[in-house]
Full PDB file with SEQRES, HELIX, SHEET, SSBOND, CRYST1, ORIGX, SCALE, CONECT and MASTER records, all heavy atoms in Angstrom:
SEQRES   1 A   40  THR ARG VAL THR VAL LEU GLY HIS VAL GLN ARG GLY GLY          
SEQRES   2 A   40  ILE PRO THR PRO ALA ASP ARG ILE LEU ALA SER ARG PHE          
SEQRES   3 A   40  GLY MET ALA ALA ILE ASP ALA VAL THR GLU HIS ARG ASP          
SEQRES   4 A   40  ASP                                                          
HELIX    1 AA1 GLY A    7  ARG A   11  5                                   5    
HELIX    2 AA2 PRO A   17  THR A   35  1                                  19    
CRYST1    1.000    1.000    1.000  90.00  90.00  90.00 P 1           1          
ORIGX1      1.000000  0.000000  0.000000        0.00000                         
ORIGX2      0.000000  1.000000  0.000000        0.00000                         
ORIGX3      0.000000  0.000000  1.000000        0.00000                         
SCALE1      1.000000  0.000000  0.000000        0.00000                         
SCALE2      0.000000  1.000000  0.000000        0.00000                         
SCALE3      0.000000  0.000000  1.000000        0.00000                         
ATOM      1  N   THR A   1       2.733 -77.929  36.186  1.00  0.00           N  
ATOM      2  CA  THR A   1       3.931 -77.753  35.358  1.00  0.00           C  
ATOM      3  C   THR A   1       3.770 -76.529  34.462  1.00  0.00           C  
ATOM      4  O   THR A   1       2.758 -76.379  33.789  1.00  0.00           O  
ATOM      5  CB  THR A   1       4.183 -79.002  34.492  1.00  0.00           C  
ATOM      6  OG1 THR A   1       4.216 -80.160  35.332  1.00  0.00           O  
ATOM      7  CG2 THR A   1       5.502 -78.893  33.744  1.00  0.00           C  
ATOM      8  N   ARG A   2       4.758 -75.677  34.459  1.00  0.00           N  
ATOM      9  CA  ARG A   2       4.744 -74.466  33.627  1.00  0.00           C  
ATOM     10  C   ARG A   2       6.016 -74.400  32.795  1.00  0.00           C  
ATOM     11  O   ARG A   2       7.033 -75.002  33.138  1.00  0.00           O  
ATOM     12  CB  ARG A   2       4.646 -73.212  34.500  1.00  0.00           C  
ATOM     13  CG  ARG A   2       3.479 -73.222  35.492  1.00  0.00           C  
ATOM     14  CD  ARG A   2       2.126 -73.175  34.817  1.00  0.00           C  
ATOM     15  NE  ARG A   2       1.036 -73.276  35.778  1.00  0.00           N  
ATOM     16  CZ  ARG A   2       0.457 -72.230  36.356  1.00  0.00           C  
ATOM     17  NH1 ARG A   2       0.891 -70.994  36.106  1.00  0.00           N  
ATOM     18  NH2 ARG A   2      -0.544 -72.408  37.199  1.00  0.00           N  
ATOM     19  N   VAL A   3       5.965 -73.617  31.713  1.00  0.00           N  
ATOM     20  CA  VAL A   3       7.136 -73.476  30.848  1.00  0.00           C  
ATOM     21  C   VAL A   3       7.453 -72.004  30.626  1.00  0.00           C  
ATOM     22  O   VAL A   3       6.554 -71.177  30.474  1.00  0.00           O  
ATOM     23  CB  VAL A   3       6.921 -74.194  29.491  1.00  0.00           C  
ATOM     24  CG1 VAL A   3       5.748 -73.605  28.722  1.00  0.00           C  
ATOM     25  CG2 VAL A   3       8.190 -74.151  28.646  1.00  0.00           C  
ATOM     26  N   THR A   4       8.728 -71.685  30.642  1.00  0.00           N  
ATOM     27  CA  THR A   4       9.219 -70.345  30.314  1.00  0.00           C  
ATOM     28  C   THR A   4      10.177 -70.472  29.137  1.00  0.00           C  
ATOM     29  O   THR A   4      11.145 -71.226  29.202  1.00  0.00           O  
ATOM     30  CB  THR A   4       9.957 -69.712  31.508  1.00  0.00           C  
ATOM     31  OG1 THR A   4       9.050 -69.533  32.585  1.00  0.00           O  
ATOM     32  CG2 THR A   4      10.555 -68.362  31.118  1.00  0.00           C  
ATOM     33  N   VAL A   5       9.897 -69.752  28.065  1.00  0.00           N  
ATOM     34  CA  VAL A   5      10.739 -69.775  26.868  1.00  0.00           C  
ATOM     35  C   VAL A   5      11.560 -68.497  26.826  1.00  0.00           C  
ATOM     36  O   VAL A   5      11.016 -67.401  26.664  1.00  0.00           O  
ATOM     37  CB  VAL A   5       9.882 -69.906  25.592  1.00  0.00           C  
ATOM     38  CG1 VAL A   5      10.773 -69.963  24.356  1.00  0.00           C  
ATOM     39  CG2 VAL A   5       8.988 -71.136  25.662  1.00  0.00           C  
ATOM     40  N   LEU A   6      12.882 -68.623  26.980  1.00  0.00           N  
ATOM     41  CA  LEU A   6      13.725 -67.422  27.005  1.00  0.00           C  
ATOM     42  C   LEU A   6      13.873 -66.803  25.618  1.00  0.00           C  
ATOM     43  O   LEU A   6      13.970 -65.582  25.487  1.00  0.00           O  
ATOM     44  CB  LEU A   6      15.101 -67.764  27.580  1.00  0.00           C  
ATOM     45  CG  LEU A   6      15.107 -68.227  29.031  1.00  0.00           C  
ATOM     46  CD1 LEU A   6      16.544 -68.321  29.538  1.00  0.00           C  
ATOM     47  CD2 LEU A   6      14.294 -67.315  29.929  1.00  0.00           C  
ATOM     48  N   GLY A   7      13.905 -67.621  24.588  1.00  0.00           N  
ATOM     49  CA  GLY A   7      13.927 -67.105  23.221  1.00  0.00           C  
ATOM     50  C   GLY A   7      15.011 -66.075  22.975  1.00  0.00           C  
ATOM     51  O   GLY A   7      16.151 -66.227  23.400  1.00  0.00           O  
ATOM     52  N   HIS A   8      14.622 -64.964  22.315  1.00  0.00           N  
ATOM     53  CA  HIS A   8      15.604 -63.976  21.885  1.00  0.00           C  
ATOM     54  C   HIS A   8      16.144 -63.113  23.014  1.00  0.00           C  
ATOM     55  O   HIS A   8      17.070 -62.320  22.797  1.00  0.00           O  
ATOM     56  CB  HIS A   8      15.000 -63.101  20.786  1.00  0.00           C  
ATOM     57  CG  HIS A   8      14.784 -63.835  19.507  1.00  0.00           C  
ATOM     58  ND1 HIS A   8      13.644 -64.557  19.242  1.00  0.00           N  
ATOM     59  CD2 HIS A   8      15.591 -64.008  18.433  1.00  0.00           C  
ATOM     60  CE1 HIS A   8      13.744 -65.125  18.057  1.00  0.00           C  
ATOM     61  NE2 HIS A   8      14.907 -64.810  17.543  1.00  0.00           N  
ATOM     62  N   VAL A   9      15.574 -63.251  24.215  1.00  0.00           N  
ATOM     63  CA  VAL A   9      16.155 -62.567  25.371  1.00  0.00           C  
ATOM     64  C   VAL A   9      17.626 -62.955  25.535  1.00  0.00           C  
ATOM     65  O   VAL A   9      18.459 -62.146  25.952  1.00  0.00           O  
ATOM     66  CB  VAL A   9      15.367 -62.929  26.652  1.00  0.00           C  
ATOM     67  CG1 VAL A   9      16.090 -62.444  27.891  1.00  0.00           C  
ATOM     68  CG2 VAL A   9      13.966 -62.316  26.592  1.00  0.00           C  
ATOM     69  N   GLN A  10      17.954 -64.206  25.172  1.00  0.00           N  
ATOM     70  CA  GLN A  10      19.330 -64.687  25.315  1.00  0.00           C  
ATOM     71  C   GLN A  10      20.305 -63.964  24.397  1.00  0.00           C  
ATOM     72  O   GLN A  10      21.509 -63.949  24.640  1.00  0.00           O  
ATOM     73  CB  GLN A  10      19.385 -66.190  25.008  1.00  0.00           C  
ATOM     74  CG  GLN A  10      18.582 -67.032  25.964  1.00  0.00           C  
ATOM     75  CD  GLN A  10      18.214 -68.370  25.361  1.00  0.00           C  
ATOM     76  OE1 GLN A  10      18.935 -69.351  25.510  1.00  0.00           O  
ATOM     77  NE2 GLN A  10      17.075 -68.431  24.678  1.00  0.00           N  
ATOM     78  N   ARG A  11      19.805 -63.379  23.324  1.00  0.00           N  
ATOM     79  CA  ARG A  11      20.664 -62.701  22.344  1.00  0.00           C  
ATOM     80  C   ARG A  11      20.883 -61.227  22.662  1.00  0.00           C  
ATOM     81  O   ARG A  11      21.784 -60.600  22.121  1.00  0.00           O  
ATOM     82  CB  ARG A  11      20.035 -62.761  20.950  1.00  0.00           C  
ATOM     83  CG  ARG A  11      19.934 -64.117  20.336  1.00  0.00           C  
ATOM     84  CD  ARG A  11      19.522 -63.968  18.873  1.00  0.00           C  
ATOM     85  NE  ARG A  11      19.390 -65.238  18.218  1.00  0.00           N  
ATOM     86  CZ  ARG A  11      20.407 -65.948  17.735  1.00  0.00           C  
ATOM     87  NH1 ARG A  11      21.630 -65.487  17.876  1.00  0.00           N  
ATOM     88  NH2 ARG A  11      20.206 -67.091  17.141  1.00  0.00           N  
ATOM     89  N   GLY A  12      20.002 -60.657  23.466  1.00  0.00           N  
ATOM     90  CA  GLY A  12      19.964 -59.210  23.562  1.00  0.00           C  
ATOM     91  C   GLY A  12      20.754 -58.618  24.711  1.00  0.00           C  
ATOM     92  O   GLY A  12      21.258 -59.315  25.583  1.00  0.00           O  
ATOM     93  N   GLY A  13      20.825 -57.297  24.680  1.00  0.00           N  
ATOM     94  CA  GLY A  13      21.364 -56.554  25.805  1.00  0.00           C  
ATOM     95  C   GLY A  13      22.869 -56.379  25.803  1.00  0.00           C  
ATOM     96  O   GLY A  13      23.563 -56.618  24.814  1.00  0.00           O  
ATOM     97  N   ILE A  14      23.355 -55.980  26.959  1.00  0.00           N  
ATOM     98  CA  ILE A  14      24.756 -55.615  27.149  1.00  0.00           C  
ATOM     99  C   ILE A  14      25.638 -56.868  27.184  1.00  0.00           C  
ATOM    100  O   ILE A  14      25.340 -57.804  27.930  1.00  0.00           O  
ATOM    101  CB  ILE A  14      24.929 -54.828  28.448  1.00  0.00           C  
ATOM    102  CG1 ILE A  14      24.119 -53.523  28.371  1.00  0.00           C  
ATOM    103  CG2 ILE A  14      26.384 -54.534  28.748  1.00  0.00           C  
ATOM    104  CD1 ILE A  14      24.039 -52.780  29.686  1.00  0.00           C  
ATOM    105  N   PRO A  15      26.714 -56.926  26.415  1.00  0.00           N  
ATOM    106  CA  PRO A  15      27.616 -58.075  26.480  1.00  0.00           C  
ATOM    107  C   PRO A  15      28.400 -58.105  27.786  1.00  0.00           C  
ATOM    108  O   PRO A  15      28.737 -57.058  28.347  1.00  0.00           O  
ATOM    109  CB  PRO A  15      28.556 -57.871  25.285  1.00  0.00           C  
ATOM    110  CG  PRO A  15      28.530 -56.403  25.023  1.00  0.00           C  
ATOM    111  CD  PRO A  15      27.144 -55.946  25.400  1.00  0.00           C  
ATOM    112  N   THR A  16      28.671 -59.298  28.281  1.00  0.00           N  
ATOM    113  CA  THR A  16      29.480 -59.438  29.492  1.00  0.00           C  
ATOM    114  C   THR A  16      30.912 -58.993  29.214  1.00  0.00           C  
ATOM    115  O   THR A  16      31.341 -58.930  28.055  1.00  0.00           O  
ATOM    116  CB  THR A  16      29.499 -60.898  29.957  1.00  0.00           C  
ATOM    117  OG1 THR A  16      30.064 -61.712  28.919  1.00  0.00           O  
ATOM    118  CG2 THR A  16      28.108 -61.398  30.300  1.00  0.00           C  
ATOM    119  N   PRO A  17      31.680 -58.689  30.265  1.00  0.00           N  
ATOM    120  CA  PRO A  17      33.093 -58.366  30.055  1.00  0.00           C  
ATOM    121  C   PRO A  17      33.837 -59.464  29.292  1.00  0.00           C  
ATOM    122  O   PRO A  17      34.680 -59.163  28.443  1.00  0.00           O  
ATOM    123  CB  PRO A  17      33.630 -58.217  31.482  1.00  0.00           C  
ATOM    124  CG  PRO A  17      32.450 -57.741  32.269  1.00  0.00           C  
ATOM    125  CD  PRO A  17      31.275 -58.475  31.675  1.00  0.00           C  
ATOM    126  N   ALA A  18      33.518 -60.734  29.584  1.00  0.00           N  
ATOM    127  CA  ALA A  18      34.197 -61.839  28.899  1.00  0.00           C  
ATOM    128  C   ALA A  18      33.957 -61.788  27.396  1.00  0.00           C  
ATOM    129  O   ALA A  18      34.876 -62.007  26.596  1.00  0.00           O  
ATOM    130  CB  ALA A  18      33.739 -63.180  29.465  1.00  0.00           C  
ATOM    131  N   ASP A  19      32.716 -61.488  26.984  1.00  0.00           N  
ATOM    132  CA  ASP A  19      32.423 -61.403  25.548  1.00  0.00           C  
ATOM    133  C   ASP A  19      33.062 -60.172  24.914  1.00  0.00           C  
ATOM    134  O   ASP A  19      33.509 -60.220  23.757  1.00  0.00           O  
ATOM    135  CB  ASP A  19      30.910 -61.392  25.313  1.00  0.00           C  
ATOM    136  CG  ASP A  19      30.350 -62.792  25.131  1.00  0.00           C  
ATOM    137  OD1 ASP A  19      31.076 -63.661  24.623  1.00  0.00           O  
ATOM    138  OD2 ASP A  19      29.181 -63.021  25.496  1.00  0.00           O  
ATOM    139  N   ARG A  20      33.122 -59.065  25.637  1.00  0.00           N  
ATOM    140  CA  ARG A  20      33.781 -57.867  25.090  1.00  0.00           C  
ATOM    141  C   ARG A  20      35.271 -58.124  24.863  1.00  0.00           C  
ATOM    142  O   ARG A  20      35.844 -57.708  23.844  1.00  0.00           O  
ATOM    143  CB  ARG A  20      33.618 -56.686  26.045  1.00  0.00           C  
ATOM    144  CG  ARG A  20      32.188 -56.289  26.314  1.00  0.00           C  
ATOM    145  CD  ARG A  20      32.126 -55.062  27.206  1.00  0.00           C  
ATOM    146  NE  ARG A  20      30.859 -54.986  27.924  1.00  0.00           N  
ATOM    147  CZ  ARG A  20      30.483 -53.977  28.675  1.00  0.00           C  
ATOM    148  NH1 ARG A  20      31.290 -52.925  28.810  1.00  0.00           N  
ATOM    149  NH2 ARG A  20      29.330 -54.000  29.301  1.00  0.00           N  
ATOM    150  N   ILE A  21      35.874 -58.822  25.814  1.00  0.00           N  
ATOM    151  CA  ILE A  21      37.320 -59.108  25.698  1.00  0.00           C  
ATOM    152  C   ILE A  21      37.586 -60.094  24.578  1.00  0.00           C  
ATOM    153  O   ILE A  21      38.492 -59.892  23.751  1.00  0.00           O  
ATOM    154  CB  ILE A  21      37.850 -59.647  27.042  1.00  0.00           C  
ATOM    155  CG1 ILE A  21      37.785 -58.552  28.110  1.00  0.00           C  
ATOM    156  CG2 ILE A  21      39.288 -60.159  26.889  1.00  0.00           C  
ATOM    157  CD1 ILE A  21      37.982 -59.070  29.520  1.00  0.00           C  
ATOM    158  N   LEU A  22      36.787 -61.177  24.513  1.00  0.00           N  
ATOM    159  CA  LEU A  22      36.982 -62.171  23.453  1.00  0.00           C  
ATOM    160  C   LEU A  22      36.772 -61.542  22.081  1.00  0.00           C  
ATOM    161  O   LEU A  22      37.558 -61.770  21.152  1.00  0.00           O  
ATOM    162  CB  LEU A  22      36.010 -63.335  23.650  1.00  0.00           C  
ATOM    163  CG  LEU A  22      36.128 -64.478  22.636  1.00  0.00           C  
ATOM    164  CD1 LEU A  22      37.494 -65.153  22.731  1.00  0.00           C  
ATOM    165  CD2 LEU A  22      35.010 -65.503  22.846  1.00  0.00           C  
ATOM    166  N   ALA A  23      35.728 -60.737  21.947  1.00  0.00           N  
ATOM    167  CA  ALA A  23      35.452 -60.072  20.675  1.00  0.00           C  
ATOM    168  C   ALA A  23      36.589 -59.143  20.271  1.00  0.00           C  
ATOM    169  O   ALA A  23      36.990 -59.087  19.097  1.00  0.00           O  
ATOM    170  CB  ALA A  23      34.146 -59.291  20.776  1.00  0.00           C  
ATOM    171  N   SER A  24      37.130 -58.420  21.229  1.00  0.00           N  
ATOM    172  CA  SER A  24      38.246 -57.507  20.941  1.00  0.00           C  
ATOM    173  C   SER A  24      39.486 -58.275  20.503  1.00  0.00           C  
ATOM    174  O   SER A  24      40.181 -57.867  19.555  1.00  0.00           O  
ATOM    175  CB  SER A  24      38.556 -56.659  22.180  1.00  0.00           C  
ATOM    176  OG  SER A  24      37.447 -55.862  22.550  1.00  0.00           O  
ATOM    177  N   ARG A  25      39.765 -59.384  21.170  1.00  0.00           N  
ATOM    178  CA  ARG A  25      40.924 -60.204  20.806  1.00  0.00           C  
ATOM    179  C   ARG A  25      40.760 -60.796  19.408  1.00  0.00           C  
ATOM    180  O   ARG A  25      41.696 -60.794  18.599  1.00  0.00           O  
ATOM    181  CB  ARG A  25      41.128 -61.317  21.826  1.00  0.00           C  
ATOM    182  CG  ARG A  25      41.501 -60.843  23.219  1.00  0.00           C  
ATOM    183  CD  ARG A  25      41.671 -62.007  24.168  1.00  0.00           C  
ATOM    184  NE  ARG A  25      42.881 -62.764  23.873  1.00  0.00           N  
ATOM    185  CZ  ARG A  25      43.184 -63.932  24.436  1.00  0.00           C  
ATOM    186  NH1 ARG A  25      42.352 -64.491  25.311  1.00  0.00           N  
ATOM    187  NH2 ARG A  25      44.305 -64.554  24.118  1.00  0.00           N  
ATOM    188  N   PHE A  26      39.559 -61.305  19.130  1.00  0.00           N  
ATOM    189  CA  PHE A  26      39.300 -61.889  17.811  1.00  0.00           C  
ATOM    190  C   PHE A  26      39.389 -60.821  16.716  1.00  0.00           C  
ATOM    191  O   PHE A  26      39.924 -61.076  15.628  1.00  0.00           O  
ATOM    192  CB  PHE A  26      37.921 -62.535  17.780  1.00  0.00           C  
ATOM    193  CG  PHE A  26      37.870 -63.930  18.361  1.00  0.00           C  
ATOM    194  CD1 PHE A  26      36.656 -64.588  18.498  1.00  0.00           C  
ATOM    195  CD2 PHE A  26      39.019 -64.602  18.751  1.00  0.00           C  
ATOM    196  CE1 PHE A  26      36.590 -65.870  19.024  1.00  0.00           C  
ATOM    197  CE2 PHE A  26      38.976 -65.883  19.276  1.00  0.00           C  
ATOM    198  CZ  PHE A  26      37.742 -66.522  19.410  1.00  0.00           C  
ATOM    199  N   GLY A  27      38.853 -59.627  16.982  1.00  0.00           N  
ATOM    200  CA  GLY A  27      38.898 -58.562  15.982  1.00  0.00           C  
ATOM    201  C   GLY A  27      40.323 -58.161  15.637  1.00  0.00           C  
ATOM    202  O   GLY A  27      40.680 -57.995  14.467  1.00  0.00           O  
ATOM    203  N   MET A  28      41.153 -58.013  16.669  1.00  0.00           N  
ATOM    204  CA  MET A  28      42.558 -57.665  16.436  1.00  0.00           C  
ATOM    205  C   MET A  28      43.291 -58.773  15.696  1.00  0.00           C  
ATOM    206  O   MET A  28      44.060 -58.517  14.754  1.00  0.00           O  
ATOM    207  CB  MET A  28      43.255 -57.379  17.764  1.00  0.00           C  
ATOM    208  CG  MET A  28      42.979 -55.998  18.323  1.00  0.00           C  
ATOM    209  SD  MET A  28      44.028 -55.596  19.744  1.00  0.00           S  
ATOM    210  CE  MET A  28      45.663 -55.847  19.083  1.00  0.00           C  
ATOM    211  N   ALA A  29      43.052 -60.025  16.101  1.00  0.00           N  
ATOM    212  CA  ALA A  29      43.731 -61.147  15.453  1.00  0.00           C  
ATOM    213  C   ALA A  29      43.334 -61.252  13.982  1.00  0.00           C  
ATOM    214  O   ALA A  29      44.163 -61.568  13.117  1.00  0.00           O  
ATOM    215  CB  ALA A  29      43.402 -62.447  16.181  1.00  0.00           C  
ATOM    216  N   ALA A  30      42.063 -60.956  13.691  1.00  0.00           N  
ATOM    217  CA  ALA A  30      41.579 -61.064  12.313  1.00  0.00           C  
ATOM    218  C   ALA A  30      42.207 -60.008  11.402  1.00  0.00           C  
ATOM    219  O   ALA A  30      42.664 -60.315  10.295  1.00  0.00           O  
ATOM    220  CB  ALA A  30      40.059 -60.941  12.290  1.00  0.00           C  
ATOM    221  N   ILE A  31      42.238 -58.750  11.848  1.00  0.00           N  
ATOM    222  CA  ILE A  31      42.806 -57.701  11.001  1.00  0.00           C  
ATOM    223  C   ILE A  31      44.316 -57.866  10.877  1.00  0.00           C  
ATOM    224  O   ILE A  31      44.904 -57.557   9.822  1.00  0.00           O  
ATOM    225  CB  ILE A  31      42.429 -56.294  11.520  1.00  0.00           C  
ATOM    226  CG1 ILE A  31      42.704 -55.230  10.446  1.00  0.00           C  
ATOM    227  CG2 ILE A  31      43.129 -55.968  12.814  1.00  0.00           C  
ATOM    228  CD1 ILE A  31      41.840 -55.353   9.211  1.00  0.00           C  
ATOM    229  N   ASP A  32      44.964 -58.383  11.898  1.00  0.00           N  
ATOM    230  CA  ASP A  32      46.395 -58.672  11.801  1.00  0.00           C  
ATOM    231  C   ASP A  32      46.640 -59.788  10.786  1.00  0.00           C  
ATOM    232  O   ASP A  32      47.604 -59.734  10.011  1.00  0.00           O  
ATOM    233  CB  ASP A  32      46.964 -59.084  13.159  1.00  0.00           C  
ATOM    234  CG  ASP A  32      47.099 -57.902  14.119  1.00  0.00           C  
ATOM    235  OD1 ASP A  32      46.962 -56.744  13.676  1.00  0.00           O  
ATOM    236  OD2 ASP A  32      47.350 -58.153  15.314  1.00  0.00           O  
ATOM    237  N   ALA A  33      45.764 -60.793  10.777  1.00  0.00           N  
ATOM    238  CA  ALA A  33      45.906 -61.896   9.817  1.00  0.00           C  
ATOM    239  C   ALA A  33      45.742 -61.398   8.387  1.00  0.00           C  
ATOM    240  O   ALA A  33      46.477 -61.812   7.479  1.00  0.00           O  
ATOM    241  CB  ALA A  33      44.880 -62.989  10.120  1.00  0.00           C  
ATOM    242  N   VAL A  34      44.770 -60.502   8.184  1.00  0.00           N  
ATOM    243  CA  VAL A  34      44.576 -59.916   6.851  1.00  0.00           C  
ATOM    244  C   VAL A  34      45.830 -59.165   6.424  1.00  0.00           C  
ATOM    245  O   VAL A  34      46.297 -59.291   5.279  1.00  0.00           O  
ATOM    246  CB  VAL A  34      43.355 -58.966   6.865  1.00  0.00           C  
ATOM    247  CG1 VAL A  34      43.350 -58.093   5.612  1.00  0.00           C  
ATOM    248  CG2 VAL A  34      42.056 -59.755   6.957  1.00  0.00           C  
ATOM    249  N   THR A  35      46.393 -58.388   7.323  1.00  0.00           N  
ATOM    250  CA  THR A  35      47.594 -57.593   7.029  1.00  0.00           C  
ATOM    251  C   THR A  35      48.775 -58.488   6.649  1.00  0.00           C  
ATOM    252  O   THR A  35      49.573 -58.144   5.771  1.00  0.00           O  
ATOM    253  CB  THR A  35      47.961 -56.734   8.246  1.00  0.00           C  
ATOM    254  OG1 THR A  35      46.841 -55.923   8.614  1.00  0.00           O  
ATOM    255  CG2 THR A  35      49.151 -55.832   7.942  1.00  0.00           C  
ATOM    256  N   GLU A  36      48.861 -59.630   7.308  1.00  0.00           N  
ATOM    257  CA  GLU A  36      49.958 -60.574   7.064  1.00  0.00           C  
ATOM    258  C   GLU A  36      49.657 -61.541   5.932  1.00  0.00           C  
ATOM    259  O   GLU A  36      50.431 -62.472   5.676  1.00  0.00           O  
ATOM    260  CB  GLU A  36      50.249 -61.359   8.345  1.00  0.00           C  
ATOM    261  CG  GLU A  36      50.716 -60.482   9.501  1.00  0.00           C  
ATOM    262  CD  GLU A  36      50.629 -61.191  10.841  1.00  0.00           C  
ATOM    263  OE1 GLU A  36      50.317 -62.409  10.852  1.00  0.00           O  
ATOM    264  OE2 GLU A  36      50.858 -60.528  11.878  1.00  0.00           O  
ATOM    265  N   HIS A  37      48.499 -61.322   5.248  1.00  0.00           N  
ATOM    266  CA  HIS A  37      48.072 -62.179   4.128  1.00  0.00           C  
ATOM    267  C   HIS A  37      47.943 -63.649   4.540  1.00  0.00           C  
ATOM    268  O   HIS A  37      48.244 -64.555   3.774  1.00  0.00           O  
ATOM    269  CB  HIS A  37      49.068 -62.050   2.954  1.00  0.00           C  
ATOM    270  CG  HIS A  37      49.184 -60.646   2.439  1.00  0.00           C  
ATOM    271  ND1 HIS A  37      48.193 -60.030   1.699  1.00  0.00           N  
ATOM    272  CD2 HIS A  37      50.180 -59.730   2.580  1.00  0.00           C  
ATOM    273  CE1 HIS A  37      48.572 -58.790   1.401  1.00  0.00           C  
ATOM    274  NE2 HIS A  37      49.770 -58.583   1.926  1.00  0.00           N  
ATOM    275  N   ARG A  38      47.453 -63.849   5.753  1.00  0.00           N  
ATOM    276  CA  ARG A  38      47.144 -65.202   6.229  1.00  0.00           C  
ATOM    277  C   ARG A  38      45.662 -65.430   5.934  1.00  0.00           C  
ATOM    278  O   ARG A  38      44.789 -65.094   6.722  1.00  0.00           O  
ATOM    279  CB  ARG A  38      47.472 -65.340   7.705  1.00  0.00           C  
ATOM    280  CG  ARG A  38      48.943 -65.054   8.005  1.00  0.00           C  
ATOM    281  CD  ARG A  38      49.267 -65.226   9.470  1.00  0.00           C  
ATOM    282  NE  ARG A  38      49.171 -66.632   9.876  1.00  0.00           N  
ATOM    283  CZ  ARG A  38      49.404 -67.064  11.112  1.00  0.00           C  
ATOM    284  NH1 ARG A  38      49.734 -66.217  12.066  1.00  0.00           N  
ATOM    285  NH2 ARG A  38      49.301 -68.340  11.396  1.00  0.00           N  
ATOM    286  N   ASP A  39      45.375 -65.988   4.784  1.00  0.00           N  
ATOM    287  CA  ASP A  39      44.030 -66.039   4.246  1.00  0.00           C  
ATOM    288  C   ASP A  39      43.331 -67.370   4.549  1.00  0.00           C  
ATOM    289  O   ASP A  39      43.962 -68.380   4.857  1.00  0.00           O  
ATOM    290  CB  ASP A  39      44.052 -65.827   2.728  1.00  0.00           C  
ATOM    291  CG  ASP A  39      44.790 -64.558   2.335  1.00  0.00           C  
ATOM    292  OD1 ASP A  39      44.755 -63.599   3.125  1.00  0.00           O  
ATOM    293  OD2 ASP A  39      45.393 -64.550   1.254  1.00  0.00           O  
ATOM    294  N   ASP A  40      42.000 -67.310   4.427  1.00  0.00           N  
ATOM    295  CA  ASP A  40      41.149 -68.498   4.538  1.00  0.00           C  
ATOM    296  C   ASP A  40      41.333 -69.198   5.877  1.00  0.00           C  
ATOM    297  O   ASP A  40      41.449 -70.417   5.960  1.00  0.00           O  
ATOM    298  CB  ASP A  40      41.415 -69.463   3.377  1.00  0.00           C  
ATOM    299  CG  ASP A  40      41.349 -68.765   2.025  1.00  0.00           C  
ATOM    300  OD1 ASP A  40      40.699 -67.704   1.947  1.00  0.00           O  
ATOM    301  OD2 ASP A  40      41.965 -69.260   1.066  1.00  0.00           O  
TER     302      ASP A  40                                                      
MASTER        0    0    0    2    0    0    0    6  301    1    0    4          
END                                                                             
């Protein structure tokens, strides 16, 4: 029996297209909310 610990490898590197798209959508929605004074 052997063990492999992925650790911080899971955090690093190039984001997938899905994460780039989700991040872009969230960023736009957040700044639009600030502009519209939709707080908290």
